[in-house]
Amino acid sequence: MLRHGIPKNRYVDLTLAELDLWSQLQQDEELICAAEDLLSDEKQNLTAAIHGDLRLDQFYLNDEQLMLLDWEDFGRGDAARDVGMMAGEWLYRSILDTVTSRGDGQRPPEKFNEQSATTLIAARMNEATVHIGNFWKTYKNNREASDPNLGLRATARLGWHLVERTIARAGMVSKLSGIERAALSIGRRALITPDAYQAALGLGENTNESIDNSTSSRGITV
């Protein structure tokens, strides 16, 4: 739908937030090309059995046994899809929790300005990337096949996950909040230039690099 447009029967049901968002996305040639490149790269790397919709909420702990649910999209695909979606959901939740007391239990400020919001987003993202880095390191250590570009593709997939989550959210509201647009902005950057964000987001060789609110979060207005 990014390149070819929205079907008429779908268009008439769009919310105001979706109308605004799709207008923005469909005029973003860089994002469209990056999404097409991601899809092309995935088609060339159908080398693993993947879950296809891997997120934290797909795991269920029952009697100390961890189970993975919802195998509807299971099949052969690019491992970067599972890695990127898992990391992307971690990051998405951390960004949205900037305006909640979840996680560290601290109350967010009553009012945000651009600087305070960006600083808090960067702090939340740094917390998430610790988990992403540990997940990535464990995954690599237990993966037998060699794939030097897996982390780069996973970073692009992480970026697309944030874009996709924002699209889904737009279908539920009349106007996207500033924090949701922040998640979209971060996702866009990771999708378009994954090499610039791979290490900072925990998917590089060095998983200890922190996010600087003047780099990974630059250009965000909340």
Protein backbone atom coordinates (compact mmCIF):
# COMPACT_ATOMS: atom_id res chain seq x y z
CA MET A 1 0.00 0.00 0.00
CA LEU A 2 2.96 2.32 0.40
CA ARG A 3 3.75 2.33 -3.32
CA HIS A 4 0.46 1.41 -4.99
CA GLY A 5 -2.18 3.03 -2.80
CA ILE A 6 -5.00 1.91 -0.53
CA PRO A 7 -7.98 -0.09 -1.90
CA LYS A 8 -11.21 1.90 -2.05
CA ASN A 9 -13.06 -0.41 0.33
CA ARG A 10 -10.26 0.07 2.87
CA TYR A 11 -9.94 3.81 2.29
CA VAL A 12 -13.53 4.61 3.27
CA ASP A 13 -12.98 3.01 6.69
CA LEU A 14 -9.76 4.88 7.58
CA THR A 15 -9.65 6.91 10.78
CA LEU A 16 -8.50 10.54 10.72
CA ALA A 17 -5.17 9.39 12.15
CA GLU A 18 -4.78 6.83 9.36
CA LEU A 19 -5.61 9.38 6.66
CA ASP A 20 -2.96 11.71 8.03
CA LEU A 21 -0.38 8.96 8.50
CA TRP A 22 -0.84 7.31 5.10
CA SER A 23 -0.54 10.69 3.41
CA GLN A 24 2.79 11.15 5.17
CA LEU A 25 4.10 7.65 4.48
CA GLN A 26 3.12 7.56 0.81
CA GLN A 27 5.05 10.76 0.13
CA ASP A 28 8.17 9.47 1.88
CA GLU A 29 10.19 8.02 -0.99
CA GLU A 30 13.15 7.13 1.23
CA LEU A 31 10.95 5.06 3.52
CA ILE A 32 9.16 3.37 0.61
CA CYS A 33 12.45 2.38 -1.04
CA ALA A 34 13.85 1.12 2.27
CA ALA A 35 10.75 -1.02 2.89
CA GLU A 36 11.02 -2.47 -0.62
CA ASP A 37 14.73 -3.19 -0.10
CA LEU A 38 13.92 -4.94 3.19
CA LEU A 39 11.35 -7.16 1.49
CA SER A 40 13.79 -7.97 -1.31
CA ASP A 41 16.56 -8.82 1.17
CA GLU A 42 14.22 -11.11 3.10
CA LYS A 43 13.24 -12.97 -0.07
CA GLN A 44 16.92 -13.61 -0.79
CA ASN A 45 17.54 -15.01 2.70
CA LEU A 46 14.83 -17.62 3.21
CA THR A 47 17.26 -19.82 5.10
CA ALA A 48 15.70 -20.56 8.49
CA ALA A 49 12.59 -21.84 10.20
CA ILE A 50 10.98 -18.76 11.71
CA HIS A 51 8.01 -18.04 13.94
CA GLY A 52 7.02 -15.06 11.79
CA ASP A 53 5.39 -12.98 14.54
CA LEU A 54 7.87 -13.17 17.41
CA ARG A 55 7.11 -10.79 20.27
CA LEU A 56 7.36 -10.92 24.05
CA ASP A 57 3.59 -11.36 24.38
CA GLN A 58 3.81 -14.58 22.38
CA PHE A 59 5.66 -16.25 25.25
CA TYR A 60 3.72 -17.90 28.07
CA LEU A 61 5.15 -19.21 31.32
CA ASN A 62 3.21 -22.17 32.69
CA ASP A 63 4.45 -24.17 35.70
CA GLU A 64 7.98 -22.84 35.11
CA GLN A 65 7.86 -24.01 31.50
CA LEU A 66 8.27 -21.31 28.86
CA MET A 67 6.07 -21.86 25.81
CA LEU A 68 5.86 -19.99 22.51
CA LEU A 69 2.35 -19.37 21.18
CA ASP A 70 0.66 -18.44 17.88
CA TRP A 71 2.39 -20.45 15.15
CA GLU A 72 0.09 -19.17 12.40
CA ASP A 73 2.95 -17.53 10.46
CA PHE A 74 5.49 -20.30 11.03
CA GLY A 75 7.50 -21.24 7.96
CA ARG A 76 10.79 -20.85 6.18
CA GLY A 77 12.06 -17.29 6.04
CA ASP A 78 14.72 -14.79 6.98
CA ALA A 79 15.91 -15.13 10.59
CA ALA A 80 16.20 -11.33 10.64
CA ARG A 81 12.41 -11.16 10.71
CA ASP A 82 12.16 -12.90 14.09
CA VAL A 83 15.19 -11.12 15.55
CA GLY A 84 14.09 -7.69 14.35
CA MET A 85 10.48 -8.08 15.44
CA MET A 86 11.48 -9.28 18.89
CA ALA A 87 13.92 -6.39 19.33
CA GLY A 88 11.49 -3.95 17.74
CA GLU A 89 8.69 -4.78 20.16
CA TRP A 90 11.05 -4.35 23.11
CA LEU A 91 12.01 -0.93 21.78
CA TYR A 92 8.45 0.08 20.90
CA ARG A 93 7.20 -0.66 24.40
CA SER A 94 10.12 1.21 25.96
CA ILE A 95 9.41 4.32 23.87
CA LEU A 96 5.70 4.35 24.66
CA ASP A 97 6.43 3.77 28.34
CA THR A 98 8.23 7.11 28.44
CA VAL A 99 4.87 8.64 29.35
CA THR A 100 3.92 5.93 31.87
CA SER A 101 5.26 4.76 35.22
CA ARG A 102 5.83 1.20 34.00
CA GLY A 103 9.33 -0.21 34.06
CA ASP A 104 11.17 1.80 36.70
CA GLY A 105 8.07 2.96 38.56
CA GLN A 106 8.98 6.64 38.28
CA ARG A 107 6.21 9.09 37.49
CA PRO A 108 6.72 10.92 34.19
CA PRO A 109 6.75 14.73 34.32
CA GLU A 110 3.37 16.45 34.04
CA LYS A 111 4.57 18.39 31.01
CA PHE A 112 7.10 17.53 28.32
CA ASN A 113 9.15 19.78 26.12
CA GLU A 114 11.23 18.53 23.19
CA GLN A 115 14.46 18.32 25.20
CA SER A 116 13.01 16.54 28.24
CA ALA A 117 11.03 14.12 26.08
CA THR A 118 14.04 13.27 23.93
CA THR A 119 16.21 12.71 27.01
CA LEU A 120 13.64 10.40 28.59
CA ILE A 121 13.12 8.49 25.36
CA ALA A 122 16.87 7.93 25.03
CA ALA A 123 17.04 6.69 28.64
CA ARG A 124 14.18 4.25 28.11
CA MET A 125 15.71 3.04 24.87
CA ASN A 126 19.06 2.43 26.58
CA GLU A 127 17.30 0.22 29.14
CA ALA A 128 15.68 -1.77 26.34
CA THR A 129 18.86 -2.16 24.33
CA VAL A 130 20.54 -3.91 27.25
CA HIS A 131 17.95 -6.67 26.89
CA ILE A 132 18.15 -6.56 23.09
CA GLY A 133 21.94 -6.85 23.24
CA ASN A 134 21.79 -9.86 25.57
CA PHE A 135 19.15 -11.49 23.38
CA TRP A 136 21.24 -10.86 20.26
CA LYS A 137 24.43 -12.16 21.85
CA THR A 138 22.72 -15.36 23.01
CA TYR A 139 21.11 -15.85 19.61
CA LYS A 140 24.43 -15.50 17.80
CA ASN A 141 26.19 -17.86 20.19
CA ASN A 142 23.61 -20.57 19.51
CA ARG A 143 23.28 -20.08 15.76
CA GLU A 144 25.31 -22.47 13.63
CA ALA A 145 24.93 -20.81 10.22
CA SER A 146 27.13 -17.89 9.28
CA ASP A 147 25.29 -14.73 8.20
CA PRO A 148 27.40 -11.56 8.57
CA ASN A 149 24.56 -9.27 7.46
CA LEU A 150 21.92 -10.71 9.77
CA GLY A 151 22.25 -7.93 12.35
CA LEU A 152 21.94 -5.25 9.68
CA ARG A 153 18.78 -6.79 8.24
CA ALA A 154 17.39 -7.29 11.74
CA THR A 155 17.94 -3.59 12.47
CA ALA A 156 16.00 -2.64 9.34
CA ARG A 157 13.25 -5.07 10.38
CA LEU A 158 13.25 -3.49 13.86
CA GLY A 159 12.71 -0.12 12.18
CA TRP A 160 9.84 -1.42 10.08
CA HIS A 161 8.25 -2.98 13.17
CA LEU A 162 8.02 0.47 14.77
CA VAL A 163 6.49 1.87 11.58
CA GLU A 164 4.04 -1.03 11.38
CA ARG A 165 3.06 -0.66 15.03
CA THR A 166 2.32 3.02 14.44
CA ILE A 167 0.16 2.15 11.43
CA ALA A 168 -1.79 -0.33 13.57
CA ARG A 169 -2.22 2.24 16.33
CA ALA A 170 -3.51 4.84 13.88
CA GLY A 171 -6.45 2.57 13.15
CA MET A 172 -7.59 2.90 16.77
CA VAL A 173 -7.44 6.67 17.31
CA SER A 174 -8.40 9.93 15.64
CA LYS A 175 -4.98 11.48 16.24
CA LEU A 176 -1.58 9.95 16.97
CA SER A 177 0.11 11.18 20.12
CA GLY A 178 3.53 12.76 20.14
CA ILE A 179 5.14 9.69 21.69
CA GLU A 180 3.68 7.47 18.96
CA ARG A 181 5.08 9.79 16.32
CA ALA A 182 8.42 9.60 18.12
CA ALA A 183 8.35 5.80 17.74
CA LEU A 184 7.58 6.26 14.04
CA SER A 185 10.50 8.68 13.62
CA ILE A 186 12.95 6.31 15.31
CA GLY A 187 11.66 3.37 13.28
CA ARG A 188 11.98 5.31 10.04
CA ARG A 189 15.62 6.12 10.76
CA ALA A 190 16.49 2.54 11.66
CA LEU A 191 14.76 1.25 8.52
CA ILE A 192 16.40 3.72 6.13
CA THR A 193 19.92 3.69 7.61
CA PRO A 194 20.27 0.48 9.65
CA ASP A 195 24.07 0.65 9.50
CA ALA A 196 23.98 3.91 11.48
CA TYR A 197 21.84 2.45 14.27
CA GLN A 198 22.75 -1.24 14.37
CA ALA A 199 25.30 -0.99 17.19
CA ALA A 200 23.37 1.53 19.29
CA LEU A 201 20.21 -0.59 19.14
CA GLY A 202 22.01 -3.67 20.44
CA LEU A 203 22.33 -5.66 17.20
CA GLY A 204 25.97 -4.99 16.39
CA GLU A 205 29.21 -6.68 17.34
CA ASN A 206 29.57 -4.34 20.31
CA THR A 207 26.31 -4.47 22.25
CA ASN A 208 27.47 -2.05 24.95
CA GLU A 209 27.23 1.14 22.93
CA SER A 210 24.63 3.46 24.42
CA ILE A 211 22.08 5.61 22.67
CA ASP A 212 22.90 9.31 22.60
CA ASN A 213 19.85 11.56 22.51
CA SER A 214 21.64 13.73 19.98
CA THR A 215 22.16 10.83 17.55
CA SER A 216 19.66 7.98 17.61
CA SER A 217 16.87 10.21 18.85
CA ARG A 218 17.76 13.30 16.83
CA GLY A 219 15.03 14.98 14.89
CA ILE A 220 12.22 13.74 17.15
CA THR A 221 9.55 16.19 18.16
CA VAL A 222 7.25 15.04 20.97
